[in-house]
């Protein structure tokens, strides 16, 4: 009786192991099949020339970002909730860029001395065109189209 019990226990263990191994393999295959890869990121919409006021198409919804007076000339402001940094490289000229650093995806956190600063690895970007000026980042911050209507800078 003892040897029969031993055989049944061994068979049960093998069946459990087989089931578990098969379940894991099927689950891993399903997860691998769900992965998506993209060769290129979605293109950003083309910015308005010069970042100055442009007419809005009828019915277009613009997202107000900041009052023009709140953006210092030669500097900018970080709008973390909107993931946008708005700069004013010259009086009356407004630009906007993504706050996501092109090096490893950290968020830029400040604008100082004409540069947008990423605290993670020391990348700095120009307030004029978002181009990297220092650090490991090689690509510019993606530009976002903005318009100026009255005293408000809006996302186009």
N, C-alpha and C. Protein backbone atom coordinates (compact mmCIF):
# COMPACT_ATOMS: atom_id res chain seq x y z
N UNK A 1 0.82 -1.18 0.00
CA UNK A 1 0.00 0.00 0.00
C UNK A 1 0.87 1.25 0.00
N UNK A 2 1.98 1.14 0.69
CA UNK A 2 2.90 2.27 0.80
C UNK A 2 3.48 2.64 -0.56
N UNK A 3 3.84 1.66 -1.36
CA UNK A 3 4.43 1.96 -2.66
C UNK A 3 3.38 2.54 -3.61
N UNK A 4 2.12 2.08 -3.48
CA UNK A 4 1.05 2.63 -4.31
C UNK A 4 0.83 4.11 -3.98
N UNK A 5 0.81 4.45 -2.69
CA UNK A 5 0.65 5.83 -2.25
C UNK A 5 1.79 6.68 -2.79
N UNK A 6 3.00 6.14 -2.74
CA UNK A 6 4.17 6.84 -3.24
C UNK A 6 4.05 7.13 -4.73
N UNK A 7 3.56 6.13 -5.48
CA UNK A 7 3.38 6.32 -6.92
C UNK A 7 2.32 7.37 -7.21
N UNK A 8 1.21 7.36 -6.47
CA UNK A 8 0.15 8.36 -6.66
C UNK A 8 0.65 9.76 -6.32
N UNK A 9 1.41 9.89 -5.24
CA UNK A 9 1.95 11.19 -4.84
C UNK A 9 2.92 11.70 -5.90
N UNK A 10 3.77 10.83 -6.41
CA UNK A 10 4.72 11.23 -7.45
C UNK A 10 3.98 11.65 -8.71
N UNK A 11 2.95 10.92 -9.09
CA UNK A 11 2.17 11.25 -10.28
C UNK A 11 1.48 12.60 -10.10
N UNK A 12 0.94 12.82 -8.90
CA UNK A 12 0.25 14.09 -8.63
C UNK A 12 1.23 15.26 -8.72
N UNK A 13 2.43 15.10 -8.17
CA UNK A 13 3.44 16.16 -8.23
C UNK A 13 3.84 16.46 -9.67
N UNK A 14 4.03 15.39 -10.46
CA UNK A 14 4.40 15.60 -11.86
C UNK A 14 3.29 16.32 -12.61
N UNK A 15 2.05 15.96 -12.34
CA UNK A 15 0.93 16.62 -13.00
C UNK A 15 0.86 18.09 -12.62
N UNK A 16 1.04 18.41 -11.33
CA UNK A 16 1.02 19.82 -10.90
C UNK A 16 2.15 20.60 -11.55
N UNK A 17 3.34 20.01 -11.56
CA UNK A 17 4.48 20.68 -12.18
C UNK A 17 4.24 20.91 -13.66
N UNK A 18 3.69 19.92 -14.32
CA UNK A 18 3.42 20.04 -15.75
C UNK A 18 2.40 21.15 -16.00
N UNK A 19 1.35 21.17 -15.19
CA UNK A 19 0.31 22.19 -15.34
C UNK A 19 0.90 23.58 -15.08
N UNK A 20 1.65 23.71 -14.00
CA UNK A 20 2.24 25.01 -13.67
C UNK A 20 3.21 25.48 -14.76
N UNK A 21 4.04 24.59 -15.25
CA UNK A 21 4.99 24.95 -16.29
C UNK A 21 4.26 25.36 -17.56
N UNK A 22 3.22 24.61 -17.92
CA UNK A 22 2.45 24.93 -19.11
C UNK A 22 1.72 26.26 -18.97
N UNK A 23 1.17 26.52 -17.79
CA UNK A 23 0.47 27.78 -17.54
C UNK A 23 1.43 28.95 -17.64
N UNK A 24 2.59 28.80 -17.04
CA UNK A 24 3.60 29.88 -17.10
C UNK A 24 4.02 30.14 -18.53
N UNK A 25 4.29 29.09 -19.28
CA UNK A 25 4.72 29.25 -20.67
C UNK A 25 3.64 29.93 -21.50
N UNK A 26 2.39 29.54 -21.30
CA UNK A 26 1.29 30.15 -22.05
C UNK A 26 1.13 31.62 -21.67
N UNK A 27 1.24 31.91 -20.37
CA UNK A 27 1.12 33.29 -19.91
C UNK A 27 2.23 34.17 -20.45
N UNK A 28 3.44 33.67 -20.43
CA UNK A 28 4.58 34.43 -20.96
C UNK A 28 4.42 34.68 -22.45
N UNK A 29 3.96 33.68 -23.19
CA UNK A 29 3.75 33.84 -24.62
C UNK A 29 2.67 34.88 -24.90
N UNK A 30 1.61 34.86 -24.09
CA UNK A 30 0.52 35.83 -24.28
C UNK A 30 1.03 37.24 -24.01
N UNK A 31 1.82 37.40 -22.96
CA UNK A 31 2.37 38.73 -22.65
C UNK A 31 3.30 39.20 -23.75
N UNK A 32 4.12 38.34 -24.26
CA UNK A 32 5.04 38.73 -25.34
C UNK A 32 4.27 39.13 -26.58
N UNK A 33 3.16 38.48 -26.83
CA UNK A 33 2.35 38.81 -28.00
C UNK A 33 1.65 40.16 -27.86
N UNK A 34 1.47 40.62 -26.63
CA UNK A 34 0.79 41.89 -26.40
C UNK A 34 1.73 43.08 -26.51
N UNK A 35 3.02 42.85 -26.47
CA UNK A 35 3.98 43.96 -26.53
C UNK A 35 3.91 44.63 -27.89
N UNK A 36 3.99 45.95 -27.86
CA UNK A 36 4.00 46.70 -29.12
C UNK A 36 5.28 47.51 -29.18
N UNK A 37 5.78 47.65 -30.36
CA UNK A 37 7.00 48.39 -30.57
C UNK A 37 6.75 49.39 -31.68
N UNK A 38 7.36 50.55 -31.55
CA UNK A 38 7.19 51.59 -32.56
C UNK A 38 8.56 52.04 -33.02
N UNK A 39 8.74 52.12 -34.31
CA UNK A 39 10.02 52.53 -34.85
C UNK A 39 10.24 54.03 -34.66
N UNK A 40 9.16 54.79 -34.65
CA UNK A 40 9.30 56.24 -34.52
C UNK A 40 8.16 56.77 -33.67
N UNK A 41 8.43 57.80 -32.86
CA UNK A 41 7.36 58.38 -32.05
C UNK A 41 6.37 59.13 -32.94
N UNK A 42 5.19 59.35 -32.38
CA UNK A 42 4.19 60.12 -33.11
C UNK A 42 4.76 61.51 -33.39
N UNK A 43 4.57 62.03 -34.59
CA UNK A 43 5.10 63.36 -34.90
C UNK A 43 4.33 64.43 -34.14
N UNK A 44 5.07 65.44 -33.70
CA UNK A 44 4.47 66.59 -33.04
C UNK A 44 3.84 67.48 -34.11
N UNK A 45 2.75 68.18 -33.79
CA UNK A 45 2.21 69.11 -34.77
C UNK A 45 3.21 70.23 -35.04
N UNK A 46 3.23 70.73 -36.26
CA UNK A 46 4.16 71.79 -36.63
C UNK A 46 3.86 73.06 -35.84
N UNK A 47 4.89 73.69 -35.25
CA UNK A 47 4.67 74.91 -34.48
C UNK A 47 4.33 76.07 -35.41
N UNK A 48 3.66 77.05 -34.85
CA UNK A 48 3.36 78.28 -35.59
C UNK A 48 4.67 79.02 -35.81
N UNK A 49 4.82 79.66 -36.93
CA UNK A 49 6.05 80.39 -37.25
C UNK A 49 6.32 81.43 -36.17
N UNK A 50 7.51 81.35 -35.58
CA UNK A 50 7.93 82.35 -34.60
C UNK A 50 7.24 82.23 -33.26
N UNK A 51 6.27 81.37 -33.11
CA UNK A 51 5.59 81.24 -31.84
C UNK A 51 4.71 82.43 -31.52
N UNK A 52 4.40 83.26 -32.50
CA UNK A 52 3.59 84.43 -32.25
C UNK A 52 2.13 84.13 -32.54
N UNK A 53 1.28 85.10 -32.31
CA UNK A 53 -0.15 84.91 -32.46
C UNK A 53 -0.50 84.46 -33.87
N UNK A 54 -1.38 83.48 -33.95
CA UNK A 54 -1.86 82.98 -35.23
C UNK A 54 -3.36 82.83 -35.12
N UNK A 55 -4.08 83.04 -36.22
CA UNK A 55 -5.53 82.91 -36.14
C UNK A 55 -5.93 81.47 -35.83
N UNK A 56 -6.95 81.32 -35.01
CA UNK A 56 -7.47 80.01 -34.66
C UNK A 56 -8.55 79.61 -35.66
N UNK A 57 -8.56 78.38 -36.14
CA UNK A 57 -9.65 77.93 -36.99
C UNK A 57 -10.97 77.97 -36.23
N UNK A 58 -12.06 78.19 -36.94
CA UNK A 58 -13.37 78.24 -36.30
C UNK A 58 -13.63 76.93 -35.58
N UNK A 59 -14.07 77.03 -34.33
CA UNK A 59 -14.41 75.84 -33.56
C UNK A 59 -13.22 75.15 -32.90
N UNK A 60 -12.00 75.65 -33.11
CA UNK A 60 -10.83 75.01 -32.51
C UNK A 60 -10.75 75.37 -31.02
N UNK A 61 -10.49 74.39 -30.20
CA UNK A 61 -10.38 74.61 -28.76
C UNK A 61 -8.92 74.83 -28.41
N UNK A 62 -8.61 75.99 -27.85
CA UNK A 62 -7.25 76.29 -27.42
C UNK A 62 -7.19 76.20 -25.91
N UNK A 63 -6.09 75.67 -25.40
CA UNK A 63 -5.92 75.52 -23.96
C UNK A 63 -5.10 76.68 -23.42
N UNK A 64 -5.71 77.58 -22.63
CA UNK A 64 -4.94 78.69 -22.04
C UNK A 64 -3.85 78.13 -21.14
N UNK A 65 -2.65 78.69 -21.27
CA UNK A 65 -1.53 78.21 -20.47
C UNK A 65 -1.13 79.18 -19.36
N UNK A 66 -0.83 80.42 -19.76
CA UNK A 66 -0.26 81.36 -18.81
C UNK A 66 -0.46 82.79 -19.32
N UNK A 67 -0.48 83.74 -18.42
CA UNK A 67 -0.51 85.15 -18.81
C UNK A 67 0.86 85.53 -19.35
N UNK A 68 0.89 86.27 -20.44
CA UNK A 68 2.16 86.65 -21.07
C UNK A 68 3.08 87.37 -20.08
N UNK A 69 2.52 88.19 -19.21
CA UNK A 69 3.32 88.95 -18.25
C UNK A 69 4.02 88.06 -17.22
N UNK A 70 3.56 86.82 -17.07
CA UNK A 70 4.17 85.90 -16.11
C UNK A 70 5.40 85.18 -16.66
N UNK A 71 5.66 85.33 -17.96
CA UNK A 71 6.80 84.66 -18.59
C UNK A 71 7.92 85.69 -18.76
N UNK A 72 9.02 85.56 -18.02
CA UNK A 72 10.09 86.55 -18.11
C UNK A 72 10.81 86.51 -19.47
N UNK A 73 11.19 87.69 -19.96
CA UNK A 73 11.97 87.76 -21.20
C UNK A 73 13.32 87.10 -20.94
N UNK A 74 13.73 86.21 -21.85
CA UNK A 74 14.99 85.46 -21.68
C UNK A 74 14.85 84.26 -20.76
N UNK A 75 13.65 84.00 -20.29
CA UNK A 75 13.41 82.89 -19.37
C UNK A 75 12.14 82.16 -19.73
N UNK A 76 11.52 81.58 -18.72
CA UNK A 76 10.30 80.84 -18.96
C UNK A 76 9.68 80.32 -17.70
N UNK A 77 8.55 79.64 -17.86
CA UNK A 77 7.84 79.05 -16.74
C UNK A 77 7.51 77.60 -17.07
N UNK A 78 7.62 76.76 -16.04
CA UNK A 78 7.28 75.35 -16.17
C UNK A 78 5.82 75.17 -15.74
N UNK A 79 5.03 74.54 -16.58
CA UNK A 79 3.64 74.23 -16.27
C UNK A 79 3.54 72.71 -16.20
N UNK A 80 3.87 72.18 -15.02
CA UNK A 80 3.99 70.73 -14.84
C UNK A 80 2.70 69.99 -15.16
N UNK A 81 1.56 70.53 -14.75
CA UNK A 81 0.29 69.85 -14.97
C UNK A 81 0.00 69.68 -16.47
N UNK A 82 0.41 70.65 -17.27
CA UNK A 82 0.19 70.57 -18.72
C UNK A 82 1.39 69.96 -19.45
N UNK A 83 2.46 69.66 -18.72
CA UNK A 83 3.70 69.11 -19.28
C UNK A 83 4.25 70.01 -20.38
N UNK A 84 4.26 71.31 -20.09
CA UNK A 84 4.72 72.31 -21.04
C UNK A 84 5.61 73.32 -20.32
N UNK A 85 6.67 73.75 -20.99
CA UNK A 85 7.46 74.89 -20.53
C UNK A 85 7.26 75.99 -21.57
N UNK A 86 6.84 77.18 -21.10
CA UNK A 86 6.62 78.32 -21.99
C UNK A 86 7.78 79.28 -21.78
N UNK A 87 8.41 79.71 -22.87
CA UNK A 87 9.54 80.63 -22.79
C UNK A 87 9.24 81.90 -23.59
N UNK A 88 10.02 82.94 -23.28
CA UNK A 88 9.95 84.20 -24.02
C UNK A 88 11.39 84.62 -24.34
N UNK A 89 11.95 84.06 -25.42
CA UNK A 89 13.35 84.35 -25.74
C UNK A 89 13.62 85.82 -26.07
N UNK A 90 12.64 86.51 -26.62
CA UNK A 90 12.74 87.94 -26.94
C UNK A 90 11.39 88.56 -26.61
N UNK A 91 11.36 89.87 -26.37
CA UNK A 91 10.09 90.50 -26.02
C UNK A 91 8.99 90.20 -27.05
N UNK A 92 7.87 89.65 -26.57
CA UNK A 92 6.73 89.36 -27.43
C UNK A 92 6.81 88.07 -28.21
N UNK A 93 7.92 87.34 -28.13
CA UNK A 93 8.09 86.08 -28.84
C UNK A 93 7.97 84.94 -27.82
N UNK A 94 6.94 84.12 -27.97
CA UNK A 94 6.69 83.03 -27.03
C UNK A 94 6.87 81.69 -27.72
N UNK A 95 7.51 80.77 -27.00
CA UNK A 95 7.74 79.41 -27.47
C UNK A 95 7.25 78.46 -26.39
N UNK A 96 6.95 77.24 -26.78
CA UNK A 96 6.57 76.21 -25.80
C UNK A 96 7.21 74.90 -26.20
N UNK A 97 7.59 74.14 -25.18
CA UNK A 97 8.26 72.86 -25.38
C UNK A 97 7.71 71.84 -24.39
N UNK A 98 7.89 70.58 -24.71
CA UNK A 98 7.53 69.50 -23.79
C UNK A 98 8.45 69.58 -22.58
N UNK A 99 7.95 69.21 -21.43
CA UNK A 99 8.78 69.18 -20.22
C UNK A 99 9.53 67.86 -20.08
N UNK A 100 9.35 66.93 -21.01
CA UNK A 100 10.01 65.63 -20.93
C UNK A 100 11.39 65.69 -21.59
N UNK A 101 12.42 65.50 -20.78
CA UNK A 101 13.80 65.53 -21.27
C UNK A 101 14.00 64.42 -22.30
N UNK A 102 14.71 64.75 -23.37
CA UNK A 102 14.95 63.78 -24.44
C UNK A 102 16.07 62.80 -24.12
N UNK A 103 16.73 62.95 -22.98
CA UNK A 103 17.78 62.02 -22.61
C UNK A 103 17.19 60.71 -22.07
N UNK A 104 16.49 60.80 -20.92
CA UNK A 104 15.91 59.58 -20.36
C UNK A 104 14.49 59.79 -19.83
N UNK A 105 13.83 60.85 -20.28
CA UNK A 105 12.42 61.03 -19.95
C UNK A 105 12.10 61.68 -18.63
N UNK A 106 13.09 62.22 -17.93
CA UNK A 106 12.80 62.95 -16.70
C UNK A 106 12.08 64.25 -17.07
N UNK A 107 11.45 64.87 -16.09
CA UNK A 107 10.78 66.14 -16.33
C UNK A 107 11.73 67.29 -16.00
N UNK A 108 11.80 68.28 -16.90
CA UNK A 108 12.58 69.47 -16.60
C UNK A 108 11.87 70.21 -15.48
N UNK A 109 12.64 70.91 -14.64
CA UNK A 109 12.03 71.51 -13.45
C UNK A 109 12.27 72.99 -13.28
N UNK A 110 13.14 73.59 -14.09
CA UNK A 110 13.40 75.02 -13.91
C UNK A 110 13.92 75.65 -15.20
N UNK A 111 13.85 76.97 -15.21
CA UNK A 111 14.40 77.75 -16.31
C UNK A 111 15.29 78.81 -15.66
N UNK A 112 16.57 78.83 -16.05
CA UNK A 112 17.53 79.77 -15.47
C UNK A 112 18.59 80.14 -16.49
N UNK A 113 18.96 81.39 -16.53
CA UNK A 113 20.04 81.87 -17.40
C UNK A 113 19.80 81.50 -18.87
N UNK A 114 18.56 81.61 -19.34
CA UNK A 114 18.26 81.32 -20.73
C UNK A 114 18.26 79.85 -21.08
N UNK A 115 18.22 78.98 -20.05
CA UNK A 115 18.26 77.54 -20.30
C UNK A 115 17.16 76.83 -19.50
N UNK A 116 16.60 75.80 -20.12
CA UNK A 116 15.64 74.93 -19.47
C UNK A 116 16.46 73.78 -18.87
N UNK A 117 16.26 73.51 -17.58
CA UNK A 117 17.15 72.60 -16.85
C UNK A 117 16.45 71.30 -16.45
N UNK A 118 17.11 70.18 -16.76
CA UNK A 118 16.67 68.86 -16.32
C UNK A 118 17.56 68.45 -15.14
N UNK A 119 16.98 68.18 -13.99
CA UNK A 119 17.79 67.87 -12.81
C UNK A 119 18.36 66.46 -12.77
N UNK A 120 17.85 65.56 -13.58
CA UNK A 120 18.26 64.15 -13.47
C UNK A 120 19.71 63.91 -13.86
N UNK A 121 20.13 64.39 -15.02
CA UNK A 121 21.49 64.12 -15.49
C UNK A 121 22.20 65.37 -15.98
N UNK A 122 21.61 66.54 -15.71
CA UNK A 122 22.30 67.79 -16.03
C UNK A 122 22.12 68.32 -17.43
N UNK A 123 21.14 67.84 -18.17
CA UNK A 123 20.91 68.39 -19.51
C UNK A 123 20.30 69.78 -19.40
N UNK A 124 20.73 70.67 -20.29
CA UNK A 124 20.18 72.02 -20.38
C UNK A 124 19.75 72.23 -21.83
N UNK A 125 18.66 72.99 -22.01
CA UNK A 125 18.11 73.24 -23.33
C UNK A 125 17.89 74.73 -23.52
N UNK A 126 18.04 75.21 -24.74
CA UNK A 126 17.87 76.62 -25.08
C UNK A 126 16.40 77.04 -24.96
N UNK A 127 16.15 78.23 -24.39
CA UNK A 127 14.78 78.75 -24.33
C UNK A 127 14.30 79.20 -25.71
N UNK A 128 15.23 79.39 -26.64
CA UNK A 128 14.88 79.86 -27.98
C UNK A 128 14.32 78.76 -28.86
N UNK A 129 14.97 77.61 -28.88
CA UNK A 129 14.55 76.55 -29.79
C UNK A 129 14.50 75.15 -29.16
N UNK A 130 14.76 75.04 -27.86
CA UNK A 130 14.71 73.75 -27.17
C UNK A 130 15.91 72.86 -27.43
N UNK A 131 16.91 73.36 -28.18
CA UNK A 131 18.10 72.56 -28.50
C UNK A 131 18.95 72.32 -27.25
N UNK A 132 19.56 71.14 -27.13
CA UNK A 132 20.41 70.88 -25.98
C UNK A 132 21.66 71.78 -26.02
N UNK A 133 21.99 72.35 -24.87
CA UNK A 133 23.18 73.21 -24.77
C UNK A 133 24.23 72.61 -23.84
N UNK A 134 23.82 71.62 -23.04
CA UNK A 134 24.74 70.99 -22.09
C UNK A 134 24.15 69.66 -21.64
N UNK A 135 25.04 68.74 -21.29
CA UNK A 135 24.59 67.48 -20.71
C UNK A 135 24.49 66.35 -21.72
N UNK A 136 23.96 65.24 -21.28
CA UNK A 136 23.91 64.06 -22.14
C UNK A 136 22.83 64.11 -23.22
N UNK A 137 21.82 64.95 -23.11
CA UNK A 137 20.75 64.98 -24.12
C UNK A 137 21.33 65.40 -25.47
N UNK A 138 20.91 64.71 -26.53
CA UNK A 138 21.38 65.00 -27.88
C UNK A 138 20.28 65.60 -28.76
N UNK A 139 19.02 65.40 -28.39
CA UNK A 139 17.90 65.88 -29.18
C UNK A 139 17.23 67.05 -28.47
N UNK A 140 16.64 67.97 -29.24
CA UNK A 140 15.94 69.10 -28.62
C UNK A 140 14.63 68.66 -27.97
N UNK A 141 14.15 69.48 -27.06
CA UNK A 141 12.82 69.25 -26.50
C UNK A 141 11.80 69.43 -27.61
N UNK A 142 10.79 68.58 -27.71
CA UNK A 142 9.77 68.75 -28.75
C UNK A 142 9.03 70.08 -28.56
N UNK A 143 8.93 70.83 -29.65
CA UNK A 143 8.25 72.13 -29.60
C UNK A 143 6.74 71.93 -29.70
N UNK A 144 6.00 72.77 -29.01
CA UNK A 144 4.54 72.76 -29.06
C UNK A 144 4.08 74.11 -29.61
N UNK A 145 3.07 74.08 -30.45
CA UNK A 145 2.56 75.31 -31.06
C UNK A 145 1.78 76.11 -30.03
N UNK A 146 2.06 77.41 -29.98
CA UNK A 146 1.32 78.32 -29.09
C UNK A 146 0.86 79.54 -29.87
N UNK A 147 -0.16 80.15 -29.32
CA UNK A 147 -0.65 81.42 -29.86
C UNK A 147 -0.75 82.40 -28.70
N UNK A 148 -0.77 83.68 -29.03
CA UNK A 148 -0.96 84.71 -28.02
C UNK A 148 -2.22 85.46 -28.41
N UNK A 149 -3.16 85.49 -27.48
CA UNK A 149 -4.41 86.20 -27.70
C UNK A 149 -4.59 87.16 -26.54
N UNK A 150 -4.50 88.46 -26.84
CA UNK A 150 -4.56 89.45 -25.77
C UNK A 150 -3.34 89.29 -24.89
N UNK A 151 -3.59 89.00 -23.60
CA UNK A 151 -2.47 88.82 -22.67
C UNK A 151 -2.28 87.36 -22.26
N UNK A 152 -2.86 86.43 -23.03
CA UNK A 152 -2.80 85.01 -22.65
C UNK A 152 -2.09 84.19 -23.72
N UNK A 153 -1.17 83.34 -23.26
CA UNK A 153 -0.49 82.39 -24.14
C UNK A 153 -1.30 81.10 -24.05
N UNK A 154 -1.68 80.58 -25.22
CA UNK A 154 -2.49 79.37 -25.26
C UNK A 154 -1.80 78.30 -26.11
N UNK A 155 -2.11 77.07 -25.80
CA UNK A 155 -1.63 75.94 -26.57
C UNK A 155 -2.52 75.84 -27.79
N UNK A 156 -1.91 75.81 -28.99
CA UNK A 156 -2.70 75.78 -30.23
C UNK A 156 -3.27 74.42 -30.49
